[in-house]
Protein backbone atom coordinates (compact mmCIF):
# COMPACT_ATOMS: atom_id res chain seq x y z
CA UNK A 1 9.63 -11.58 18.82
CA UNK A 2 6.33 -11.19 15.77
CA UNK A 3 3.60 -10.62 17.44
CA UNK A 4 0.78 -13.86 16.58
CA UNK A 5 -2.63 -12.65 15.61
CA UNK A 6 -4.96 -13.53 19.17
CA UNK A 7 -7.40 -15.70 18.97
CA UNK A 8 -10.05 -12.95 18.86
CA UNK A 9 -7.77 -11.24 16.21
CA UNK A 10 -7.99 -14.10 13.91
CA UNK A 11 -11.74 -14.86 14.53
CA UNK A 12 -12.11 -11.27 12.88
CA UNK A 13 -9.63 -11.35 10.26
CA UNK A 14 -11.52 -14.74 8.73
CA UNK A 15 -14.62 -12.98 9.35
CA UNK A 16 -13.64 -10.25 6.67
CA UNK A 17 -11.86 -13.10 4.29
CA UNK A 18 -15.27 -14.20 4.18
CA UNK A 19 -16.08 -10.34 2.08
CA UNK A 20 -13.00 -10.38 0.54
CA UNK A 21 -11.67 -10.54 -2.98
CA UNK A 22 -7.94 -10.81 -1.49
CA UNK A 23 -5.70 -11.27 1.00
CA UNK A 24 -1.92 -9.33 0.73
CA UNK A 25 0.65 -10.80 3.47
CA UNK A 26 3.08 -8.54 4.11
CA UNK A 27 6.36 -8.62 6.51
CA UNK A 28 8.53 -5.76 6.97
CA UNK A 29 12.14 -6.38 6.87
CA UNK A 30 14.34 -4.67 9.82
CA UNK A 31 17.02 -2.25 7.82
CA UNK A 32 20.10 -4.49 9.62
CA UNK A 33 19.22 -7.29 8.05
CA UNK A 34 18.22 -5.99 4.27
CA UNK A 35 21.27 -6.39 2.75
CA UNK A 36 21.47 -10.09 4.12
CA UNK A 37 17.54 -10.45 2.82
CA UNK A 38 18.08 -9.64 -0.93
CA UNK A 39 21.16 -11.90 -0.79
CA UNK A 40 19.84 -15.21 0.82
CA UNK A 41 16.97 -14.97 -1.34
CA UNK A 42 19.15 -13.93 -4.77
CA UNK A 43 17.22 -11.25 -5.69
CA UNK A 44 18.64 -9.15 -8.60
CA UNK A 45 18.48 -5.28 -8.27
CA UNK A 46 18.84 -4.59 -11.65
CA UNK A 47 15.38 -6.72 -12.62
CA UNK A 48 13.01 -3.92 -10.32
CA UNK A 49 10.75 -0.92 -11.88
CA UNK A 50 11.22 2.21 -10.24
CA UNK A 51 7.97 4.04 -9.72
CA UNK A 52 7.27 7.04 -8.09
CA UNK A 53 4.21 7.20 -4.90
CA UNK A 54 2.68 10.69 -4.45
CA UNK A 55 -0.20 11.20 -2.21
CA UNK A 56 -2.37 13.78 -1.33
CA UNK A 57 -3.94 14.83 2.25
CA UNK A 58 -4.56 18.16 3.83
CA UNK A 59 -1.47 19.14 5.85
CA UNK A 60 -2.86 18.30 9.00
CA UNK A 61 -3.94 14.73 7.08
CA UNK A 62 -7.51 14.98 7.22
CA UNK A 63 -8.25 12.40 4.62
CA UNK A 64 -5.91 9.99 7.32
CA UNK A 65 -8.26 10.14 9.69
CA UNK A 66 -11.16 10.15 7.91
CA UNK A 67 -9.97 6.32 6.43
CA UNK A 68 -9.58 8.01 2.99
CA UNK A 69 -6.06 7.15 1.45
CA UNK A 70 -5.86 9.01 -2.06
CA UNK A 71 -2.86 8.35 -4.24
CA UNK A 72 -0.78 7.89 -8.07
CA UNK A 73 2.53 6.62 -8.61
CA UNK A 74 4.20 6.43 -11.97
CA UNK A 75 5.72 3.02 -13.33
CA UNK A 76 8.75 3.32 -15.18
CA UNK A 77 8.10 1.02 -18.84
CA UNK A 78 4.14 0.74 -17.45
CA UNK A 79 1.20 3.00 -17.60
CA UNK A 80 0.40 4.55 -14.27
CA UNK A 81 -2.19 4.70 -12.01
CA UNK A 82 -4.32 6.48 -9.61
CA UNK A 83 -6.68 5.50 -6.52
CA UNK A 84 -8.72 6.13 -4.20
CA UNK A 85 -9.13 3.40 -0.85
CA UNK A 86 -11.46 3.44 2.43
CA UNK A 87 -9.43 1.17 5.39
CA UNK A 88 -10.64 0.10 7.30
CA UNK A 89 -14.06 -1.14 5.69
CA UNK A 90 -16.13 -4.37 6.43
CA UNK A 91 -17.01 -5.92 2.98
CA UNK A 92 -20.56 -6.92 3.65
CA UNK A 93 -21.95 -2.94 4.51
CA UNK A 94 -20.08 -1.67 1.50
CA UNK A 95 -22.37 -1.06 -1.71
CA UNK A 96 -23.27 -3.80 -4.16
CA UNK A 97 -22.77 -0.93 -6.51
CA UNK A 98 -19.60 -0.11 -5.67
CA UNK A 99 -17.84 -3.78 -4.84
CA UNK A 100 -19.85 -4.09 -8.79
CA UNK A 101 -17.60 -1.02 -9.99
CA UNK A 102 -14.46 -1.91 -12.61
CA UNK A 103 -10.80 -1.73 -10.68
CA UNK A 104 -12.95 -1.68 -7.11
CA UNK A 105 -11.32 -4.38 -5.11
CA UNK A 106 -11.63 -5.70 -0.82
CA UNK A 107 -8.34 -6.37 -0.23
CA UNK A 108 -7.73 -7.71 3.55
CA UNK A 109 -3.87 -6.48 4.75
CA UNK A 110 -1.79 -9.13 7.11
CA UNK A 111 0.98 -8.79 8.99
CA UNK A 112 2.67 -10.37 11.80
CA UNK A 113 0.59 -8.96 15.28
CA UNK A 114 -2.21 -7.24 12.75
CA UNK A 115 -3.97 -7.19 9.81
CA UNK A 116 -6.67 -4.37 7.85
CA UNK A 117 -9.47 -4.17 5.66
CA UNK A 118 -9.58 -1.84 2.78
CA UNK A 119 -11.47 -1.39 -0.37
CA UNK A 120 -9.97 0.66 -3.45
CA UNK A 121 -11.34 1.69 -6.58
CA UNK A 122 -7.80 2.28 -8.97
CA UNK A 123 -8.16 3.55 -12.08
CA UNK A 124 -4.60 3.80 -14.44
CA UNK A 125 -3.35 7.41 -15.27
CA UNK A 126 -0.69 8.92 -17.83
CA UNK A 127 3.09 9.03 -16.23
CA UNK A 128 2.39 12.11 -17.90
CA UNK A 129 -0.40 13.80 -16.79
CA UNK A 130 0.90 12.62 -12.94
CA UNK A 131 3.75 14.55 -12.88
CA UNK A 132 1.99 17.93 -14.49
CA UNK A 133 -0.75 17.25 -11.80
CA UNK A 134 1.68 17.01 -8.77
CA UNK A 135 4.00 20.06 -10.11
CA UNK A 136 1.00 21.61 -10.03
CA UNK A 137 0.82 22.32 -13.71
CA UNK A 138 -2.80 20.65 -13.90
CA UNK A 139 -5.20 20.34 -11.31
CA UNK A 140 -4.91 16.98 -9.25
CA UNK A 141 -9.14 16.18 -9.96
CA UNK A 142 -7.43 15.32 -13.81
CA UNK A 143 -5.72 12.63 -12.45
CA UNK A 144 -9.64 10.77 -10.88
CA UNK A 145 -12.14 9.70 -12.92
CA UNK A 146 -15.71 9.99 -11.92
CA UNK A 147 -16.22 7.30 -10.32
CA UNK A 148 -13.70 7.87 -8.36
CA UNK A 149 -14.56 11.57 -7.60
CA UNK A 150 -17.84 10.41 -6.42
CA UNK A 151 -16.42 7.42 -4.17
CA UNK A 152 -14.11 10.35 -2.27
CA UNK A 153 -16.47 13.08 -1.64
CA UNK A 154 -18.84 10.35 -0.40
CA UNK A 155 -16.49 9.90 2.67
CA UNK A 156 -13.91 12.67 2.67
CA UNK A 157 -14.13 15.30 5.56
CA UNK A 158 -16.72 17.79 4.60
CA UNK A 159 -15.58 20.15 2.70
CA UNK A 160 -12.68 18.96 1.40
CA UNK A 161 -12.68 18.54 -2.24
CA UNK A 162 -9.58 17.57 -4.77
CA UNK A 163 -8.28 21.71 -4.59
CA UNK A 164 -7.63 21.41 -0.94
CA UNK A 165 -5.53 18.91 -1.25
CA UNK A 166 -1.81 18.96 -0.85
CA UNK A 167 0.76 16.78 -2.84
CA UNK A 168 2.61 14.12 -0.49
CA UNK A 169 5.45 13.19 -1.88
CA UNK A 170 6.99 11.87 -3.93
CA UNK A 171 8.38 8.47 -2.53
CA UNK A 172 11.05 7.13 -4.92
CA UNK A 173 9.90 3.41 -4.59
CA UNK A 174 12.23 0.07 -6.52
CA UNK A 175 9.77 -2.90 -7.01
CA UNK A 176 10.73 -6.65 -7.62
CA UNK A 177 8.33 -9.72 -8.33
CA UNK A 178 10.12 -12.81 -8.09
CA UNK A 179 9.46 -16.47 -7.91
CA UNK A 180 11.64 -18.86 -6.00
CA UNK A 181 11.48 -22.30 -7.70
CA UNK A 182 11.00 -23.85 -4.58
CA UNK A 183 8.86 -21.94 -3.31
CA UNK A 184 6.40 -21.08 -6.62
CA UNK A 185 4.82 -18.49 -4.95
CA UNK A 186 4.90 -14.94 -6.49
CA UNK A 187 7.00 -12.40 -4.32
CA UNK A 188 7.15 -8.99 -4.81
CA UNK A 189 10.01 -6.59 -2.79
CA UNK A 190 9.24 -3.05 -2.24
CA UNK A 191 12.37 -0.84 -0.87
CA UNK A 192 10.27 2.79 -0.24
CA UNK A 193 13.56 5.44 -0.27
CA UNK A 194 12.17 8.75 1.94
CA UNK A 195 14.18 11.68 1.69
CA UNK A 196 15.61 11.36 5.30
CA UNK A 197 17.55 9.08 4.00
CA UNK A 198 15.35 5.98 5.71
CA UNK A 199 14.02 2.95 3.57
CA UNK A 200 11.63 0.39 4.75
CA UNK A 201 11.90 -3.08 3.00
CA UNK A 202 8.83 -4.93 2.63
CA UNK A 203 7.91 -8.70 1.33
CA UNK A 204 4.28 -9.33 0.23
CA UNK A 205 2.74 -12.70 -1.47
CA UNK A 206 -1.09 -12.24 -2.80
CA UNK A 207 -3.33 -15.30 -2.84
CA UNK A 208 -6.84 -16.33 -2.86
CA UNK A 209 -9.02 -15.56 0.92
CA UNK A 210 -9.75 -19.76 0.95
CA UNK A 211 -5.61 -20.36 0.18
CA UNK A 212 -4.80 -17.95 2.64
CA UNK A 213 -3.47 -20.64 5.44
CA UNK A 214 -1.80 -23.08 3.09
CA UNK A 215 0.27 -19.97 1.72
CA UNK A 216 1.04 -18.43 4.78
CA UNK A 217 2.22 -21.99 5.97
CA UNK A 218 4.90 -22.80 2.88
CA UNK A 219 5.78 -18.62 2.76
CA UNK A 220 7.13 -19.02 6.69
CA UNK A 221 8.54 -21.98 5.79
CA UNK A 222 10.24 -20.89 3.22
CA UNK A 223 11.36 -17.47 4.62
CA UNK A 224 12.51 -19.33 8.50
CA UNK A 225 14.79 -21.97 6.01
CA UNK A 226 16.59 -18.82 4.01
CA UNK A 227 17.34 -17.58 7.02
CA UNK A 228 15.06 -13.26 6.75
CA UNK A 229 14.54 -12.31 10.15
CA UNK A 230 10.61 -11.45 11.05
CA UNK A 231 11.03 -10.46 14.45
CA UNK A 232 11.15 -6.98 13.53
CA UNK A 233 8.30 -4.46 14.08
CA UNK A 234 5.71 -3.57 11.60
CA UNK A 235 6.33 -0.79 9.25
CA UNK A 236 3.31 0.67 6.92
CA UNK A 237 5.05 2.33 4.03
CA UNK A 238 1.67 4.67 3.67
CA UNK A 239 1.51 6.11 7.48
CA UNK A 240 5.40 6.25 7.24
CA UNK A 241 5.03 8.73 3.79
CA UNK A 242 1.63 10.43 4.82
CA UNK A 243 3.54 11.26 8.48
CA UNK A 244 6.76 12.38 7.17
CA UNK A 245 5.80 14.87 4.06
CA UNK A 246 3.03 16.24 6.83
CA UNK A 247 5.50 17.22 8.83
CA UNK A 248 7.66 18.96 5.90
CA UNK A 249 4.38 21.10 4.88
CA UNK A 250 3.82 22.27 8.61
CA UNK A 251 7.76 23.41 8.68
CA UNK A 252 7.00 25.10 5.75
CA UNK A 253 4.04 26.59 6.64
CA UNK A 254 5.68 27.34 9.75
CA UNK A 255 8.91 29.03 8.18
């Protein structure tokens, strides 16, 4: 069964929410229930938008261990983006100058049994430039603004620069936003396809910290009413990708 937060965890999360900008509620669906969930919620896969997600780290994931995530996404029919993310963070400990930067936000991700608070600096990035950078034709540094580079330098392990990073990816992602009339709240379904054939289907919804209890209650009720399985282990999309591609890089080096 999906684990509920302990009393201590709940207190910690509520404290983080006081300083957060948004909350994202997430639920991973067990693989054997992917198809039934799509049918039960009336999702039309033809409305999904294709994304390519690239992560950048050292082969031994030094950034991940330091709590830094560096990512770029190509988006079908829309502009792409690049992100430098820190996690976990405590909102009250972040510099005010960082919080004031356009594109910076603090979000609490909550899922059955756990939560994490992150701060991310997100900027637009040209899809074509992302393609060239990940193909090694131009420097990865070109995907990031000076502000993002400063944030990276301040939190990456000493001595690690953009030129030291490897491309981990891409992961093909189908993203489908939809708003069920009976819920009145936008849901997002993301299906991540990993090169080894595994998949992660995640349902999520965002809200303001002040609205989280009400949104949790009505979203849970909606999912229960539609028979969506909420008992599976929660899978982290980013960690799964980093682990897979890190092993692939190491295998290639050893070979």
